[in-house]
Amino acid sequence: MSREENEFEITERRRLRSLDKKKIIIGIVAVAVIAAAVVFANNRGMFGEGKAAVVTYASDSKTGYRTYGNEYLQYTRDGVKYFSKSGEQLWSDGYVMTSPVVVQKDDCTAVFETDGRLIKVYNSKGSVCSVQTDNAIVAVSVNKNGYTAVITSGDSYAVSVYNSSGSLIFQRIEADSGVYPFNCDISPNGEIIAIAYVDVSGVEIDSKIGLFYVNAEKGAAYTDSMFAAVDKSDEIIFDVFFMGDGGLIAVGDRNIMYVSSNGTMSWNIEVTNEINGAAVCGDNVMLVYGNELPDKEGQEPGTIVIVSSGGKQSFGYCIGSEADYFEVSDGGAVVGNGSEYFGINSSGNLVWDMNDSGSINGIYPTNNVKKCIYAAKTWSVEADMTNFNPSSYIKNDNNAGTENMAEAVQDTPEDNNADNATADDGTNTTDTNADTNANADANADENTADTQNGDTGNAENTGNAENQ
């Protein structure tokens, strides 16, 4: 064999050896990439086993939720926290309340407590304003722009309206004996306040809805700024809701009525059952009926009723018994009785149901009632309720009270758009560890392959899946 042929053979062996090594490295890297991709896909829900953020808290925190599309506001006795759909805390604000309750209208939520003197108003960006009252709070309403109406009780009842800066812009002192403001609401444009009164001064209990201009100059042409009123005998109006068209739906124990923005009553629907709950659901008002009224032939207890601004009434799903739980969003309602919970969409149709005999604080629907915030005693998670099993979620009560803890939990293919679970600092530690382990395995295999070929060295770490 000539020198040239020997050199060619040596060169060719080296080339082939190099190719074999590259094939091994490429194969190992490919395995690492596939492994990382599987981890990433699982986190995104592509394989039906995604991760959702589990938020933990103390069992005595009085925790509740308001949903903002796929984001949500958590309120407790110590303050509020706002979370993204992946469970990342975006902002927080503190206060001290013993038993906070909330009212919400579109993007604005008011937090207060009955008999308290503080109202905190928030939207998705953070704090809008704070209102401090002189007397005990009876009822609160808020409109989409952060205007707040509050009924207080002291030496007398008062109804006040505050703008989005927290400044007082309207107030009525109710001096009539036996006539009490029961509830109120503010129009979407902030120009009108509707006040529902109950009159117990006579033999029968009567009600009146008064419409008042908030602006003093505009109301100057009318006595006490009241430009219209609707009277109802032998009835209690227990809820009033301004709708998007500027009209008002009033819910009473005998009738549901619509009052137009000029103060005239346009239609009236007779109520046949006790009402266990009423709330705005999109462009309609959704109610859940209780037992039949003694003098009426009505619906089965637990029937969902939907009433539109145009006066159309429709009956939806019936849960089969009186409801003791009713939470509503634009996407529908969660209705419960004992350990049974039902997800009802905005058309009144059943979407899911579950039996939960565990320690549950509440289930709060998002703008799609399939997705809800499930809140247990010490933890909560946003989940697809159509295939939800609380026992499959990691629950560590010893960690209760931590601000935000992301844990790996089972989810369904419907959650493909859920973000990766994140730690408090926003780092996806599960993905990072998975990628590190995959690359460590790749490096170990590569070193073995290199040794078998007579060389040593580490392959370049190219198998990291990008953390999205």
Protein backbone atom coordinates (compact mmCIF):
# COMPACT_ATOMS: atom_id res chain seq x y z
CA MET A 1 0.00 0.00 0.00
CA SER A 2 1.41 3.32 -1.02
CA ARG A 3 1.89 6.17 1.37
CA GLU A 4 -0.78 8.15 -0.44
CA GLU A 5 -3.26 5.23 -0.13
CA ASN A 6 -2.41 4.79 3.58
CA GLU A 7 -2.94 8.48 4.28
CA PHE A 8 -6.21 8.37 2.34
CA GLU A 9 -7.40 5.34 4.36
CA ILE A 10 -6.47 7.01 7.66
CA THR A 11 -8.20 10.21 6.58
CA GLU A 12 -11.29 8.27 5.48
CA ARG A 13 -11.44 6.34 8.78
CA ARG A 14 -11.23 9.63 10.67
CA ARG A 15 -13.99 11.09 8.51
CA LEU A 16 -16.23 8.06 9.02
CA ARG A 17 -15.43 8.04 12.72
CA SER A 18 -16.34 11.73 12.87
CA LEU A 19 -19.58 11.05 11.03
CA ASP A 20 -20.42 8.20 13.43
CA LYS A 21 -19.78 10.50 16.37
CA LYS A 22 -21.92 13.23 14.84
CA LYS A 23 -24.73 10.73 14.24
CA ILE A 24 -24.57 9.64 17.86
CA ILE A 25 -24.50 13.24 19.09
CA ILE A 26 -27.32 14.24 16.75
CA GLY A 27 -29.35 11.26 17.93
CA ILE A 28 -28.76 12.10 21.58
CA VAL A 29 -29.55 15.77 21.01
CA ALA A 30 -32.69 14.79 19.12
CA VAL A 31 -33.81 12.64 22.06
CA ALA A 32 -33.11 15.54 24.42
CA VAL A 33 -35.06 17.95 22.21
CA ILE A 34 -37.98 15.53 21.98
CA ALA A 35 -37.92 15.02 25.76
CA ALA A 36 -37.88 18.77 26.35
CA ALA A 37 -40.63 19.24 23.76
CA VAL A 38 -42.76 16.66 25.55
CA VAL A 39 -42.25 18.51 28.84
CA PHE A 40 -43.14 21.79 27.12
CA ALA A 41 -46.17 20.26 25.40
CA ASN A 42 -47.40 18.82 28.67
CA ASN A 43 -47.08 22.23 30.27
CA ARG A 44 -49.16 23.69 27.43
CA GLY A 45 -51.78 20.97 27.75
CA MET A 46 -51.15 19.49 24.29
CA PHE A 47 -51.18 15.97 25.67
CA GLY A 48 -54.12 16.52 28.00
CA GLU A 49 -52.03 16.80 31.14
CA GLY A 50 -51.27 20.47 31.61
CA LYS A 51 -50.30 22.43 34.67
CA ALA A 52 -52.40 25.07 36.30
CA ALA A 53 -51.32 27.44 39.04
CA VAL A 54 -52.44 26.49 42.52
CA VAL A 55 -52.71 29.49 44.85
CA THR A 56 -52.63 28.78 48.58
CA TYR A 57 -53.82 30.82 51.55
CA ALA A 58 -54.67 30.55 55.23
CA SER A 59 -57.90 28.77 56.12
CA ASP A 60 -59.17 31.82 58.03
CA SER A 61 -58.41 34.36 55.29
CA LYS A 62 -62.06 34.77 54.14
CA THR A 63 -60.88 34.29 50.57
CA GLY A 64 -63.15 34.91 47.58
CA TYR A 65 -62.72 35.72 43.89
CA ARG A 66 -63.97 37.96 41.11
CA THR A 67 -63.07 36.92 37.57
CA TYR A 68 -61.87 39.23 34.79
CA GLY A 69 -62.02 37.09 31.67
CA ASN A 70 -59.14 34.66 32.19
CA GLU A 71 -57.62 36.77 34.97
CA TYR A 72 -58.97 37.08 38.48
CA LEU A 73 -58.99 39.18 41.62
CA GLN A 74 -58.60 37.44 44.97
CA TYR A 75 -60.00 39.26 48.00
CA THR A 76 -59.32 38.38 51.63
CA ARG A 77 -59.67 40.08 54.97
CA ASP A 78 -56.14 41.50 54.54
CA GLY A 79 -56.37 42.86 51.00
CA VAL A 80 -56.61 41.95 47.34
CA LYS A 81 -54.25 40.28 44.86
CA TYR A 82 -54.65 40.19 41.10
CA PHE A 83 -53.52 37.13 39.15
CA SER A 84 -52.94 36.29 35.51
CA LYS A 85 -54.51 33.12 34.11
CA SER A 86 -51.23 31.29 34.79
CA GLY A 87 -51.36 32.22 38.47
CA GLU A 88 -48.73 34.96 38.36
CA GLN A 89 -49.49 37.74 40.85
CA LEU A 90 -49.61 41.02 38.92
CA TRP A 91 -50.38 43.45 41.75
CA SER A 92 -51.76 43.65 45.28
CA ASP A 93 -53.26 46.14 47.72
CA GLY A 94 -53.86 45.94 51.46
CA TYR A 95 -56.69 46.79 53.84
CA VAL A 96 -58.18 45.27 57.00
CA MET A 97 -61.75 43.90 56.93
CA THR A 98 -63.27 41.20 59.09
CA SER A 99 -65.71 39.75 56.53
CA PRO A 100 -65.21 41.38 53.10
CA VAL A 101 -67.91 41.18 50.44
CA VAL A 102 -67.80 42.45 46.87
CA VAL A 103 -69.97 43.85 44.10
CA GLN A 104 -68.74 43.97 40.51
CA LYS A 105 -69.79 45.73 37.31
CA ASP A 106 -67.75 45.03 34.20
CA ASP A 107 -64.14 46.00 34.98
CA CYS A 108 -64.78 47.48 38.45
CA THR A 109 -65.05 45.68 41.77
CA ALA A 110 -65.94 47.29 45.10
CA VAL A 111 -64.80 45.55 48.31
CA PHE A 112 -66.46 46.44 51.63
CA GLU A 113 -68.07 44.86 54.66
CA THR A 114 -71.56 45.29 56.05
CA ASP A 115 -71.51 47.73 58.99
CA GLY A 116 -67.99 48.78 58.02
CA ARG A 117 -66.90 52.24 56.92
CA LEU A 118 -64.39 51.55 54.14
CA ILE A 119 -64.96 50.82 50.45
CA LYS A 120 -62.06 49.92 48.15
CA VAL A 121 -62.65 50.07 44.39
CA TYR A 122 -60.43 48.21 41.91
CA ASN A 123 -60.20 47.44 38.23
CA SER A 124 -57.85 45.11 36.36
CA LYS A 125 -55.02 47.68 36.55
CA GLY A 126 -55.16 48.18 40.32
CA SER A 127 -56.73 50.55 42.83
CA VAL A 128 -59.27 53.05 41.49
CA CYS A 129 -60.20 54.84 44.72
CA SER A 130 -61.00 54.47 48.41
CA VAL A 131 -64.16 55.75 50.08
CA GLN A 132 -64.41 56.34 53.82
CA THR A 133 -67.95 56.74 55.17
CA ASP A 134 -69.07 58.40 58.40
CA ASN A 135 -71.71 55.78 59.19
CA ALA A 136 -72.21 52.04 58.86
CA ILE A 137 -72.45 50.63 55.33
CA VAL A 138 -75.74 48.95 54.42
CA ALA A 139 -75.37 48.41 50.65
CA VAL A 140 -72.95 49.30 47.86
CA SER A 141 -73.10 49.38 44.07
CA VAL A 142 -70.50 50.34 41.48
CA ASN A 143 -70.62 51.12 37.77
CA LYS A 144 -68.15 50.22 35.04
CA ASN A 145 -66.29 53.54 35.39
CA GLY A 146 -65.68 53.24 39.13
CA TYR A 147 -68.53 55.44 40.37
CA THR A 148 -69.68 54.12 43.73
CA ALA A 149 -73.07 54.41 45.42
CA VAL A 150 -73.45 53.55 49.08
CA ILE A 151 -76.37 53.40 51.53
CA THR A 152 -75.34 54.11 55.13
CA SER A 153 -77.20 54.04 58.41
CA GLY A 154 -76.57 56.29 61.39
CA ASP A 155 -78.97 58.70 63.04
CA SER A 156 -80.72 58.51 59.67
CA TYR A 157 -80.23 56.74 56.36
CA ALA A 158 -78.19 58.38 53.63
CA VAL A 159 -77.52 57.57 49.98
CA SER A 160 -74.24 58.90 48.57
CA VAL A 161 -72.45 58.74 45.22
CA TYR A 162 -68.68 59.07 44.79
CA ASN A 163 -66.85 59.53 41.49
CA SER A 164 -63.88 57.46 40.35
CA SER A 165 -61.55 59.74 42.34
CA GLY A 166 -63.44 59.00 45.56
CA SER A 167 -64.98 62.49 45.76
CA LEU A 168 -68.58 62.89 47.00
CA ILE A 169 -70.78 64.16 44.16
CA PHE A 170 -74.32 63.34 45.40
CA GLN A 171 -76.00 62.74 48.76
CA ARG A 172 -79.52 62.32 50.07
CA ILE A 173 -80.42 62.23 53.76
CA GLU A 174 -83.55 60.10 54.12
CA ALA A 175 -85.65 61.69 56.83
CA ASP A 176 -89.07 60.08 56.28
CA SER A 177 -90.00 57.79 59.16
CA GLY A 178 -90.76 54.23 58.10
CA VAL A 179 -89.30 54.69 54.60
CA TYR A 180 -85.89 53.14 54.06
CA PRO A 181 -83.54 52.92 51.08
CA PHE A 182 -83.16 49.19 50.44
CA ASN A 183 -80.75 49.06 47.51
CA CYS A 184 -79.44 51.22 44.67
CA ASP A 185 -77.54 51.23 41.40
CA ILE A 186 -75.76 53.76 39.18
CA SER A 187 -76.31 54.13 35.44
CA PRO A 188 -73.40 53.17 33.14
CA ASN A 189 -72.71 56.85 32.33
CA GLY A 190 -72.84 57.86 36.01
CA GLU A 191 -75.62 60.42 35.47
CA ILE A 192 -78.50 58.64 37.27
CA ILE A 193 -78.84 56.82 40.55
CA ALA A 194 -81.81 54.50 41.08
CA ILE A 195 -82.87 53.96 44.68
CA ALA A 196 -85.33 51.27 45.73
CA TYR A 197 -87.23 52.16 48.91
CA VAL A 198 -89.30 49.99 51.21
CA ASP A 199 -92.19 51.71 53.02
CA VAL A 200 -93.33 50.02 56.24
CA SER A 201 -95.26 53.00 57.59
CA GLY A 202 -98.65 51.60 56.53
CA VAL A 203 -100.55 48.36 56.91
CA GLU A 204 -98.95 46.86 53.82
CA ILE A 205 -95.31 46.90 52.79
CA ASP A 206 -94.95 49.09 49.72
CA SER A 207 -92.00 49.90 47.49
CA LYS A 208 -90.89 52.80 45.34
CA ILE A 209 -88.11 53.19 42.82
CA GLY A 210 -86.82 56.74 42.59
CA LEU A 211 -84.62 57.96 39.73
CA PHE A 212 -82.34 60.89 40.61
CA TYR A 213 -79.91 62.99 38.62
CA VAL A 214 -76.46 62.82 40.17
CA ASN A 215 -75.46 66.21 38.81
CA ALA A 216 -76.95 68.97 40.99
CA GLU A 217 -77.41 71.41 38.12
CA LYS A 218 -79.27 68.87 36.01
CA GLY A 219 -81.44 67.88 38.96
CA ALA A 220 -82.19 71.44 40.05
CA ALA A 221 -85.46 71.52 38.06
CA TYR A 222 -86.84 68.61 40.13
CA THR A 223 -87.68 68.24 43.80
CA ASP A 224 -84.71 66.56 45.47
CA SER A 225 -83.33 65.87 41.96
CA MET A 226 -85.85 63.00 41.53
CA PHE A 227 -87.13 63.20 37.95
CA ALA A 228 -89.17 59.95 37.95
CA ALA A 229 -90.62 57.34 40.31
CA VAL A 230 -92.40 53.99 40.11
CA ASP A 231 -94.61 52.84 43.00
CA LYS A 232 -95.44 49.20 43.78
CA SER A 233 -97.97 48.19 46.42
CA ASP A 234 -97.62 45.10 48.61
CA GLU A 235 -94.21 44.31 47.20
CA ILE A 236 -90.54 44.48 48.10
CA ILE A 237 -88.04 45.50 45.41
CA PHE A 238 -84.88 43.77 46.55
CA ASP A 239 -82.60 44.34 43.52
CA VAL A 240 -82.19 46.97 40.81
CA PHE A 241 -79.81 46.58 37.87
CA PHE A 242 -78.94 49.18 35.27
CA MET A 243 -78.47 47.49 31.92
CA GLY A 244 -76.20 48.42 29.03
CA ASP A 245 -79.01 50.29 27.24
CA GLY A 246 -79.43 52.68 30.20
CA GLY A 247 -82.71 51.14 31.37
CA LEU A 248 -83.30 49.49 34.73
CA ILE A 249 -84.48 45.98 35.57
CA ALA A 250 -86.04 45.85 39.03
CA VAL A 251 -86.54 42.47 40.72
CA GLY A 252 -89.29 42.24 43.30
CA ASP A 253 -90.87 39.43 45.24
CA ARG A 254 -94.00 39.69 43.05
CA ASN A 255 -92.86 41.19 39.77
CA ILE A 256 -89.86 41.83 37.54
CA MET A 257 -90.14 45.14 35.72
CA TYR A 258 -88.22 47.34 33.33
CA VAL A 259 -87.94 51.09 33.83
CA SER A 260 -86.61 53.02 30.85
CA SER A 261 -84.04 55.79 31.21
CA ASN A 262 -86.82 58.40 31.10
CA GLY A 263 -88.51 56.80 34.10
CA THR A 264 -91.45 55.03 32.46
CA MET A 265 -92.24 51.36 33.12
CA SER A 266 -92.08 49.49 29.80
CA TRP A 267 -93.02 45.95 30.82
CA ASN A 268 -93.81 43.78 33.82
CA ILE A 269 -93.36 40.02 34.38
CA GLU A 270 -95.13 38.19 37.18
CA VAL A 271 -92.97 36.22 39.61
CA THR A 272 -94.34 32.78 40.50
CA ASN A 273 -91.63 31.52 42.86
CA GLU A 274 -89.44 32.74 45.64
CA ILE A 275 -86.16 34.06 44.25
CA ASN A 276 -82.99 32.55 45.70
CA GLY A 277 -80.61 34.68 43.63
CA ALA A 278 -80.49 37.38 40.95
CA ALA A 279 -77.59 38.95 39.05
CA VAL A 280 -76.63 40.48 35.72
CA CYS A 281 -75.36 37.92 33.21
CA GLY A 282 -74.15 39.62 30.05
CA ASP A 283 -77.07 41.54 28.55
CA ASN A 284 -79.66 39.77 30.71
CA VAL A 285 -80.61 39.22 34.32
CA MET A 286 -80.33 35.64 35.53
CA LEU A 287 -82.37 34.36 38.47
CA VAL A 288 -82.71 31.05 40.25
CA TYR A 289 -86.20 30.21 41.50
CA GLY A 290 -86.96 28.73 44.90
CA ASN A 291 -90.25 27.26 46.09
CA GLU A 292 -93.54 28.24 44.48
CA LEU A 293 -95.36 31.20 46.01
CA PRO A 294 -98.43 30.05 47.96
CA ASP A 295 -100.91 31.64 45.54
CA LYS A 296 -99.08 30.84 42.30
CA GLU A 297 -98.54 27.89 40.00
CA GLY A 298 -94.88 28.20 39.20
CA GLN A 299 -91.73 26.35 38.22
CA GLU A 300 -89.81 23.59 39.95
CA PRO A 301 -87.47 24.84 42.69
CA GLY A 302 -83.96 25.36 41.33
CA THR A 303 -85.10 26.51 37.87
CA ILE A 304 -82.89 29.06 36.11
CA VAL A 305 -84.79 32.07 34.73
CA ILE A 306 -83.35 34.49 32.18
CA VAL A 307 -84.92 37.90 31.59
CA SER A 308 -83.81 40.26 28.82
CA SER A 309 -84.08 44.04 28.66
CA GLY A 310 -86.78 43.56 26.03
CA GLY A 311 -88.98 41.67 28.48
CA LYS A 312 -88.38 38.17 27.13
CA GLN A 313 -88.43 35.49 29.81
CA SER A 314 -86.98 32.02 29.29
CA PHE A 315 -86.54 29.05 31.60
CA GLY A 316 -83.32 27.11 31.69
CA TYR A 317 -81.95 24.11 33.51
CA CYS A 318 -83.43 23.05 36.85
CA ILE A 319 -81.04 21.76 39.53
CA GLY A 320 -83.94 19.93 41.23
CA SER A 321 -83.98 21.74 44.59
CA GLU A 322 -83.64 25.17 46.16
CA ALA A 323 -80.24 26.77 45.64
CA ASP A 324 -78.02 27.93 48.46
CA TYR A 325 -75.12 29.03 46.23
CA PHE A 326 -75.25 31.41 43.24
CA GLU A 327 -72.24 33.02 41.57
CA VAL A 328 -72.66 34.74 38.19
CA SER A 329 -70.36 36.07 35.47
CA ASP A 330 -71.03 37.20 31.91
CA GLY A 331 -70.44 33.61 30.84
CA GLY A 332 -73.05 32.02 33.11
CA ALA A 333 -73.60 30.91 36.68
CA VAL A 334 -72.49 28.32 39.20
CA VAL A 335 -75.50 27.17 41.19
CA GLY A 336 -75.24 24.91 44.20
CA ASN A 337 -77.24 23.09 46.80
CA GLY A 338 -75.37 21.30 49.57
CA SER A 339 -72.59 19.33 47.92
CA GLU A 340 -74.04 19.52 44.37
CA TYR A 341 -72.76 22.22 42.00
CA PHE A 342 -73.92 23.00 38.48
CA GLY A 343 -72.35 25.14 35.75
CA ILE A 344 -75.05 26.91 33.73
CA ASN A 345 -74.15 28.95 30.64
CA SER A 346 -75.66 32.34 29.76
CA SER A 347 -78.40 30.62 27.73
CA GLY A 348 -79.52 28.60 30.77
CA ASN A 349 -78.10 25.27 29.62
CA LEU A 350 -76.21 22.82 31.82
CA VAL A 351 -72.49 22.65 30.98
CA TRP A 352 -71.16 20.60 33.89
CA ASP A 353 -72.13 19.27 37.31
CA MET A 354 -70.18 17.81 40.18
CA ASN A 355 -70.65 16.44 43.66
CA ASP A 356 -68.13 17.86 46.12
CA SER A 357 -68.45 16.89 49.75
CA GLY A 358 -65.05 18.34 50.65
CA SER A 359 -64.19 21.62 52.31
CA ILE A 360 -65.04 24.14 49.59
CA ASN A 361 -65.16 27.93 49.78
CA GLY A 362 -66.76 28.53 46.40
CA ILE A 363 -66.67 28.07 42.63
CA TYR A 364 -66.40 31.27 40.59
CA PRO A 365 -67.22 31.24 36.85
CA THR A 366 -65.06 33.04 34.30
CA ASN A 367 -66.42 34.48 31.04
CA ASN A 368 -66.74 30.85 29.91
CA VAL A 369 -68.54 28.86 32.57
CA LYS A 370 -66.53 25.75 31.63
CA LYS A 371 -63.55 27.47 33.28
CA CYS A 372 -63.98 28.39 36.94
CA ILE A 373 -61.91 29.29 39.96
CA TYR A 374 -62.33 26.34 42.29
CA ALA A 375 -61.60 27.53 45.83
CA ALA A 376 -61.08 25.00 48.60
CA LYS A 377 -60.40 25.84 52.23
CA THR A 378 -56.69 26.59 51.77
CA TRP A 379 -56.07 26.54 48.00
CA SER A 380 -57.62 27.46 44.67
CA VAL A 381 -57.05 26.74 41.00
CA GLU A 382 -58.55 27.80 37.68
CA ALA A 383 -59.77 24.61 36.03
CA ASP A 384 -61.91 23.15 33.29
CA MET A 385 -64.91 21.98 35.30
CA THR A 386 -66.19 19.56 32.64
CA ASN A 387 -63.60 17.01 33.75
CA PHE A 388 -62.46 18.24 37.14
CA ASN A 389 -61.37 16.09 40.06
CA PRO A 390 -60.24 18.07 43.14
CA SER A 391 -58.49 15.02 44.62
CA SER A 392 -56.07 14.92 41.66
CA TYR A 393 -54.71 18.33 42.56
CA ILE A 394 -51.73 18.67 44.84
CA LYS A 395 -52.87 20.11 48.14
CA ASN A 396 -50.33 20.91 50.84
CA ASP A 397 -52.15 22.48 53.77
CA ASN A 398 -48.84 22.93 55.59
CA ASN A 399 -48.00 25.61 53.03
CA ALA A 400 -51.29 27.47 53.53
CA GLY A 401 -50.74 31.19 53.80
CA THR A 402 -47.96 31.47 51.20
CA GLU A 403 -48.66 34.16 48.67
CA ASN A 404 -48.53 32.08 45.49
CA MET A 405 -47.33 28.53 44.97
CA ALA A 406 -47.38 26.89 41.54
CA GLU A 407 -47.79 23.13 41.70
CA ALA A 408 -48.03 20.44 39.01
CA VAL A 409 -51.64 19.33 38.67
CA GLN A 410 -53.70 17.36 36.21
CA ASP A 411 -55.79 19.23 33.69
CA THR A 412 -57.72 18.54 30.52
CA PRO A 413 -57.15 19.19 26.80
CA GLU A 414 -59.47 22.19 27.08
CA ASP A 415 -56.69 23.95 28.98
CA ASN A 416 -54.21 24.01 26.07
CA ASN A 417 -54.02 27.77 26.38
CA ALA A 418 -53.16 27.77 30.07
CA ASP A 419 -49.76 29.34 30.76
CA ASN A 420 -46.91 27.37 32.30
CA ALA A 421 -47.08 27.21 36.09
CA THR A 422 -44.68 29.76 37.54
CA ALA A 423 -42.85 30.27 40.79
CA ASP A 424 -43.16 33.54 42.72
CA ASP A 425 -40.37 35.14 40.72
CA GLY A 426 -42.01 34.15 37.42
CA THR A 427 -39.39 31.45 36.61
CA ASN A 428 -40.71 28.17 35.26
CA THR A 429 -38.68 25.93 37.55
CA THR A 430 -40.32 22.72 36.41
CA ASP A 431 -39.41 23.33 32.76
CA THR A 432 -35.88 24.39 33.68
CA ASN A 433 -35.26 21.27 35.72
CA ALA A 434 -36.73 19.05 33.02
CA ASP A 435 -34.47 20.59 30.38
CA THR A 436 -31.43 20.31 32.66
CA ASN A 437 -32.11 16.64 33.33
CA ALA A 438 -32.62 15.93 29.62
CA ASN A 439 -29.33 17.63 28.76
CA ALA A 440 -27.51 15.88 31.58
CA ASP A 441 -28.68 12.54 30.19
CA ALA A 442 -27.60 13.61 26.71
CA ASN A 443 -24.13 14.60 27.95
CA ALA A 444 -23.69 11.33 29.81
CA ASP A 445 -24.65 9.27 26.75
CA GLU A 446 -22.40 11.36 24.55
CA ASN A 447 -19.40 10.88 26.79
CA THR A 448 -19.93 7.14 26.63
CA ALA A 449 -20.23 7.25 22.86
CA ASP A 450 -17.08 9.36 22.56
CA THR A 451 -15.09 7.00 24.76
CA GLN A 452 -16.15 4.05 22.65
CA ASN A 453 -14.80 5.89 19.59
CA GLY A 454 -11.53 6.68 21.26
CA ASP A 455 -12.18 10.38 21.89
CA THR A 456 -13.45 12.28 24.90
CA GLY A 457 -15.44 15.49 25.03
CA ASN A 458 -18.85 16.97 25.66
CA ALA A 459 -21.49 17.67 23.04
CA GLU A 460 -22.68 21.24 22.77
CA ASN A 461 -25.82 21.77 24.81
CA THR A 462 -28.34 22.45 22.07
CA GLY A 463 -31.34 20.57 23.38
CA ASN A 464 -32.98 23.26 25.49
CA ALA A 465 -36.58 23.96 24.59
CA GLU A 466 -37.32 27.65 24.80
CA ASN A 467 -39.39 28.46 27.87
CA GLN A 468 -42.45 30.28 26.56
